[in-house]
N, C-alpha and C. Protein backbone atom coordinates (compact mmCIF):
# COMPACT_ATOMS: atom_id res chain seq x y z
N MET A 1 -12.23 -22.14 -2.97
CA MET A 1 -11.35 -21.75 -4.06
C MET A 1 -10.07 -21.12 -3.52
N ALA A 2 -8.99 -21.38 -4.19
CA ALA A 2 -7.70 -20.82 -3.78
C ALA A 2 -7.44 -19.51 -4.50
N LEU A 3 -6.67 -18.65 -3.84
CA LEU A 3 -6.25 -17.39 -4.46
C LEU A 3 -4.91 -17.59 -5.14
N THR A 4 -4.78 -17.06 -6.36
CA THR A 4 -3.53 -17.10 -7.09
C THR A 4 -3.05 -15.67 -7.31
N ARG A 5 -1.79 -15.41 -6.94
CA ARG A 5 -1.25 -14.05 -7.10
C ARG A 5 -0.82 -13.84 -8.55
N TYR A 6 -1.23 -12.69 -9.09
CA TYR A 6 -0.87 -12.30 -10.45
C TYR A 6 0.03 -11.07 -10.50
N VAL A 7 -0.05 -10.22 -9.49
CA VAL A 7 0.71 -8.96 -9.52
C VAL A 7 1.31 -8.70 -8.15
N THR A 8 2.55 -8.24 -8.15
CA THR A 8 3.20 -7.73 -6.94
C THR A 8 3.83 -6.39 -7.32
N GLU A 9 3.39 -5.33 -6.69
CA GLU A 9 3.94 -3.99 -6.93
C GLU A 9 4.49 -3.46 -5.62
N MET A 10 5.60 -2.72 -5.69
CA MET A 10 6.21 -2.13 -4.50
C MET A 10 6.24 -0.62 -4.63
N GLY A 11 6.11 0.06 -3.50
CA GLY A 11 6.17 1.51 -3.51
C GLY A 11 6.73 2.06 -2.21
N MET A 12 7.11 3.33 -2.27
CA MET A 12 7.63 4.03 -1.10
C MET A 12 6.94 5.37 -1.00
N GLY A 13 6.60 5.78 0.21
CA GLY A 13 6.00 7.09 0.44
C GLY A 13 6.63 7.76 1.64
N VAL A 14 6.67 9.08 1.59
CA VAL A 14 7.31 9.85 2.65
C VAL A 14 6.41 10.99 3.09
N ASP A 15 6.32 11.20 4.39
CA ASP A 15 5.78 12.44 4.94
C ASP A 15 6.99 13.18 5.49
N VAL A 16 7.40 14.23 4.79
CA VAL A 16 8.65 14.92 5.10
C VAL A 16 8.58 15.67 6.42
N HIS A 17 7.44 16.23 6.73
CA HIS A 17 7.27 16.97 8.00
C HIS A 17 5.97 16.53 8.66
N GLY A 18 6.05 16.20 9.92
CA GLY A 18 4.82 15.93 10.65
C GLY A 18 4.65 14.51 11.13
N GLY A 19 5.42 13.57 10.59
CA GLY A 19 5.34 12.20 11.08
C GLY A 19 4.00 11.52 10.86
N ASP A 20 3.33 11.80 9.75
CA ASP A 20 2.01 11.22 9.47
C ASP A 20 2.19 9.90 8.71
N TYR A 21 2.07 8.79 9.43
CA TYR A 21 2.26 7.47 8.84
C TYR A 21 1.20 7.16 7.79
N THR A 22 -0.02 7.60 7.99
CA THR A 22 -1.08 7.35 7.01
C THR A 22 -0.80 8.08 5.72
N LYS A 23 -0.38 9.33 5.80
CA LYS A 23 -0.06 10.10 4.59
C LYS A 23 1.07 9.40 3.82
N ALA A 24 2.10 8.97 4.53
CA ALA A 24 3.22 8.29 3.88
C ALA A 24 2.77 6.95 3.29
N ALA A 25 1.90 6.22 3.98
CA ALA A 25 1.41 4.93 3.49
C ALA A 25 0.56 5.12 2.23
N ARG A 26 -0.28 6.13 2.22
CA ARG A 26 -1.10 6.41 1.03
C ARG A 26 -0.20 6.75 -0.16
N ARG A 27 0.84 7.51 0.09
CA ARG A 27 1.79 7.85 -0.98
C ARG A 27 2.54 6.62 -1.47
N ALA A 28 2.86 5.70 -0.55
CA ALA A 28 3.54 4.46 -0.94
C ALA A 28 2.66 3.61 -1.84
N VAL A 29 1.38 3.51 -1.53
CA VAL A 29 0.45 2.74 -2.37
C VAL A 29 0.28 3.43 -3.72
N ALA A 30 0.13 4.74 -3.73
CA ALA A 30 0.01 5.48 -4.99
C ALA A 30 1.26 5.26 -5.84
N ASP A 31 2.43 5.27 -5.21
CA ASP A 31 3.68 5.02 -5.92
C ASP A 31 3.69 3.62 -6.52
N ALA A 32 3.20 2.65 -5.78
CA ALA A 32 3.21 1.26 -6.25
C ALA A 32 2.32 1.06 -7.47
N ILE A 33 1.18 1.72 -7.52
CA ILE A 33 0.23 1.46 -8.62
C ILE A 33 0.32 2.49 -9.74
N ARG A 34 1.07 3.54 -9.55
CA ARG A 34 1.10 4.65 -10.51
C ARG A 34 1.52 4.22 -11.91
N HIS A 35 2.42 3.25 -12.03
CA HIS A 35 2.95 2.87 -13.33
C HIS A 35 2.40 1.54 -13.82
N SER A 36 1.29 1.10 -13.27
CA SER A 36 0.72 -0.19 -13.63
C SER A 36 -0.46 -0.03 -14.58
N SER A 37 -0.53 -0.96 -15.50
CA SER A 37 -1.70 -1.08 -16.37
C SER A 37 -1.98 -2.57 -16.49
N LEU A 38 -3.05 -3.01 -15.89
CA LEU A 38 -3.38 -4.43 -15.87
C LEU A 38 -4.24 -4.76 -17.08
N ASN A 39 -3.71 -5.58 -17.96
CA ASN A 39 -4.38 -5.87 -19.23
C ASN A 39 -4.81 -7.32 -19.37
N PHE A 40 -4.90 -8.05 -18.30
CA PHE A 40 -5.17 -9.48 -18.39
C PHE A 40 -6.59 -9.87 -18.01
N PHE A 41 -7.45 -8.90 -17.75
CA PHE A 41 -8.80 -9.22 -17.27
C PHE A 41 -9.58 -10.08 -18.28
N ALA A 42 -9.57 -9.72 -19.54
CA ALA A 42 -10.31 -10.49 -20.55
C ALA A 42 -9.73 -11.90 -20.68
N ALA A 43 -8.41 -12.03 -20.66
CA ALA A 43 -7.77 -13.34 -20.79
C ALA A 43 -8.13 -14.25 -19.61
N LEU A 44 -8.36 -13.67 -18.45
CA LEU A 44 -8.71 -14.45 -17.26
C LEU A 44 -10.21 -14.56 -17.05
N ASP A 45 -10.97 -13.90 -17.90
CA ASP A 45 -12.43 -13.83 -17.76
C ASP A 45 -12.79 -13.27 -16.37
N LYS A 46 -12.10 -12.18 -16.00
CA LYS A 46 -12.29 -11.51 -14.72
C LYS A 46 -12.52 -10.02 -14.95
N SER A 47 -12.98 -9.34 -13.91
CA SER A 47 -13.11 -7.88 -13.96
C SER A 47 -12.23 -7.28 -12.86
N PRO A 48 -11.98 -5.99 -12.93
CA PRO A 48 -11.20 -5.35 -11.85
C PRO A 48 -11.81 -5.57 -10.47
N ASN A 49 -13.13 -5.69 -10.41
CA ASN A 49 -13.78 -5.88 -9.11
C ASN A 49 -13.58 -7.29 -8.55
N ASP A 50 -13.07 -8.23 -9.37
CA ASP A 50 -12.79 -9.59 -8.90
C ASP A 50 -11.46 -9.68 -8.16
N MET A 51 -10.68 -8.61 -8.18
CA MET A 51 -9.37 -8.65 -7.54
C MET A 51 -9.49 -8.75 -6.02
N HIS A 52 -8.61 -9.53 -5.43
CA HIS A 52 -8.42 -9.58 -3.98
C HIS A 52 -7.05 -8.97 -3.75
N ILE A 53 -7.02 -7.80 -3.13
CA ILE A 53 -5.78 -7.03 -2.99
C ILE A 53 -5.38 -6.99 -1.52
N THR A 54 -4.15 -7.39 -1.28
CA THR A 54 -3.56 -7.27 0.06
C THR A 54 -2.48 -6.21 -0.03
N VAL A 55 -2.56 -5.24 0.86
CA VAL A 55 -1.54 -4.19 0.93
C VAL A 55 -0.77 -4.38 2.23
N LYS A 56 0.51 -4.71 2.10
CA LYS A 56 1.38 -4.84 3.26
C LYS A 56 2.13 -3.53 3.41
N ILE A 57 1.99 -2.92 4.59
CA ILE A 57 2.59 -1.62 4.87
C ILE A 57 3.67 -1.79 5.93
N GLY A 58 4.86 -1.27 5.64
CA GLY A 58 5.94 -1.27 6.62
C GLY A 58 6.11 0.15 7.15
N ALA A 59 5.82 0.35 8.43
CA ALA A 59 5.88 1.69 9.04
C ALA A 59 6.48 1.58 10.44
N GLY A 60 7.16 2.63 10.85
CA GLY A 60 7.76 2.66 12.18
C GLY A 60 6.74 2.49 13.30
N ASP A 61 5.54 2.99 13.09
CA ASP A 61 4.45 2.83 14.05
C ASP A 61 3.23 2.29 13.30
N PRO A 62 3.15 0.98 13.10
CA PRO A 62 2.06 0.42 12.32
C PRO A 62 0.68 0.73 12.87
N GLY A 63 0.56 0.92 14.17
CA GLY A 63 -0.73 1.23 14.77
C GLY A 63 -1.23 2.61 14.42
N ALA A 64 -0.36 3.47 13.91
CA ALA A 64 -0.76 4.83 13.54
C ALA A 64 -1.26 4.93 12.11
N VAL A 65 -1.29 3.82 11.38
CA VAL A 65 -1.74 3.82 9.99
C VAL A 65 -3.25 3.61 9.96
N ASP A 66 -3.96 4.54 9.32
CA ASP A 66 -5.41 4.42 9.11
C ASP A 66 -5.62 3.49 7.92
N THR A 67 -5.95 2.24 8.20
CA THR A 67 -6.04 1.24 7.13
C THR A 67 -7.16 1.53 6.14
N ALA A 68 -8.25 2.11 6.58
CA ALA A 68 -9.35 2.45 5.67
C ALA A 68 -8.91 3.53 4.68
N ALA A 69 -8.16 4.52 5.15
CA ALA A 69 -7.66 5.58 4.26
C ALA A 69 -6.68 5.01 3.24
N VAL A 70 -5.85 4.07 3.66
CA VAL A 70 -4.90 3.45 2.73
C VAL A 70 -5.66 2.62 1.71
N ALA A 71 -6.63 1.83 2.14
CA ALA A 71 -7.42 1.00 1.23
C ALA A 71 -8.14 1.85 0.19
N ALA A 72 -8.54 3.05 0.55
CA ALA A 72 -9.26 3.94 -0.37
C ALA A 72 -8.40 4.39 -1.55
N GLU A 73 -7.08 4.19 -1.48
CA GLU A 73 -6.20 4.53 -2.60
C GLU A 73 -6.39 3.59 -3.78
N LEU A 74 -7.01 2.44 -3.54
CA LEU A 74 -7.20 1.45 -4.60
C LEU A 74 -8.65 1.48 -5.07
N PRO A 75 -8.87 1.74 -6.36
CA PRO A 75 -10.22 1.98 -6.84
C PRO A 75 -11.07 0.73 -7.10
N TYR A 76 -10.46 -0.45 -7.11
CA TYR A 76 -11.19 -1.67 -7.45
C TYR A 76 -10.85 -2.79 -6.49
N GLY A 77 -11.68 -3.80 -6.49
CA GLY A 77 -11.38 -5.02 -5.78
C GLY A 77 -11.71 -4.98 -4.30
N THR A 78 -11.49 -6.12 -3.66
CA THR A 78 -11.62 -6.26 -2.22
C THR A 78 -10.24 -6.04 -1.64
N VAL A 79 -10.11 -5.04 -0.76
CA VAL A 79 -8.79 -4.63 -0.28
C VAL A 79 -8.66 -4.88 1.22
N SER A 80 -7.54 -5.48 1.60
CA SER A 80 -7.19 -5.58 3.02
C SER A 80 -5.81 -4.96 3.19
N VAL A 81 -5.63 -4.24 4.30
CA VAL A 81 -4.38 -3.56 4.58
C VAL A 81 -3.79 -4.15 5.85
N GLU A 82 -2.51 -4.53 5.76
CA GLU A 82 -1.82 -5.18 6.88
C GLU A 82 -0.57 -4.38 7.27
N PRO A 83 -0.71 -3.46 8.23
CA PRO A 83 0.47 -2.71 8.69
C PRO A 83 1.37 -3.59 9.55
N GLN A 84 2.65 -3.40 9.40
CA GLN A 84 3.63 -4.10 10.23
C GLN A 84 4.83 -3.19 10.44
N VAL A 85 5.69 -3.57 11.37
CA VAL A 85 6.86 -2.75 11.66
C VAL A 85 7.80 -2.76 10.47
N GLY A 86 8.23 -1.58 10.07
CA GLY A 86 9.15 -1.44 8.94
C GLY A 86 9.38 0.03 8.67
N GLY A 87 9.80 0.33 7.46
CA GLY A 87 10.02 1.73 7.09
C GLY A 87 11.18 2.34 7.84
N LEU A 88 11.13 3.67 7.96
CA LEU A 88 12.22 4.39 8.60
C LEU A 88 11.70 5.70 9.16
N ASP A 89 12.08 6.01 10.39
CA ASP A 89 11.78 7.29 11.01
C ASP A 89 13.07 8.10 11.05
N VAL A 90 12.99 9.36 10.60
CA VAL A 90 14.17 10.23 10.58
C VAL A 90 13.82 11.50 11.35
N PRO A 91 14.30 11.61 12.59
CA PRO A 91 14.01 12.82 13.37
C PRO A 91 14.77 14.01 12.80
N ALA A 92 14.18 15.18 12.96
CA ALA A 92 14.84 16.42 12.53
C ALA A 92 16.03 16.69 13.43
N ALA A 93 16.97 17.45 12.91
CA ALA A 93 18.17 17.79 13.68
C ALA A 93 17.81 18.53 14.96
N THR A 94 16.71 19.30 14.91
CA THR A 94 16.29 20.07 16.08
C THR A 94 15.46 19.22 17.05
N GLY A 95 15.02 18.05 16.59
CA GLY A 95 14.25 17.16 17.44
C GLY A 95 12.77 17.49 17.56
N ASN A 96 12.27 18.49 16.82
CA ASN A 96 10.87 18.86 16.94
C ASN A 96 10.04 18.51 15.71
N ASP A 97 10.55 17.64 14.85
CA ASP A 97 9.84 17.22 13.66
C ASP A 97 10.27 15.80 13.32
N LEU A 98 9.47 15.11 12.52
CA LEU A 98 9.77 13.73 12.17
C LEU A 98 9.44 13.48 10.71
N MET A 99 10.40 12.95 9.98
CA MET A 99 10.16 12.45 8.62
C MET A 99 9.92 10.96 8.74
N VAL A 100 8.84 10.46 8.11
CA VAL A 100 8.58 9.02 8.12
C VAL A 100 8.58 8.51 6.69
N ILE A 101 9.24 7.37 6.51
CA ILE A 101 9.30 6.69 5.22
C ILE A 101 8.58 5.35 5.39
N VAL A 102 7.63 5.10 4.51
CA VAL A 102 6.80 3.90 4.59
C VAL A 102 6.94 3.13 3.29
N ASN A 103 7.00 1.80 3.40
CA ASN A 103 7.04 0.94 2.23
C ASN A 103 5.70 0.23 2.08
N ALA A 104 5.33 -0.05 0.82
CA ALA A 104 4.10 -0.78 0.55
C ALA A 104 4.37 -1.89 -0.47
N ALA A 105 3.76 -3.02 -0.25
CA ALA A 105 3.70 -4.09 -1.24
C ALA A 105 2.22 -4.31 -1.54
N VAL A 106 1.85 -4.18 -2.80
CA VAL A 106 0.47 -4.37 -3.23
C VAL A 106 0.40 -5.70 -3.96
N LEU A 107 -0.34 -6.63 -3.40
CA LEU A 107 -0.45 -7.98 -3.94
C LEU A 107 -1.84 -8.20 -4.51
N VAL A 108 -1.93 -8.54 -5.79
CA VAL A 108 -3.21 -8.74 -6.46
C VAL A 108 -3.41 -10.21 -6.77
N CYS A 109 -4.51 -10.75 -6.27
CA CYS A 109 -4.83 -12.16 -6.46
C CYS A 109 -6.24 -12.30 -7.03
N PHE A 110 -6.48 -13.46 -7.65
CA PHE A 110 -7.82 -13.82 -8.12
C PHE A 110 -8.15 -15.22 -7.62
N GLU A 111 -9.42 -15.45 -7.39
CA GLU A 111 -9.88 -16.81 -7.05
C GLU A 111 -9.77 -17.66 -8.30
N GLU A 112 -9.24 -18.85 -8.13
CA GLU A 112 -9.07 -19.79 -9.26
C GLU A 112 -9.88 -21.03 -8.98
């Protein structure tokens, strides 16, 4: 069966102090889904648990993203997290702190 995408949501998250890419990624996912209400489950004869969700994360250091922690931000479905290079790192003027900005794209698909 093929997957068909029904939803694409975008979000941004920031860790202002500390350079925590996972914290920023979790905030980006929360931002992406915060204003969503999916009302098509009955029309598709599907449940929230039928969703196949891909989360694409853009971070300055993709290897520093805890993908399991990011996936836990989504309460339903089968979730995969794909970190890649992106986002923005902003060093402090003093050089002893780092602000990280992370982008997220949350893609929701169903088997058809």
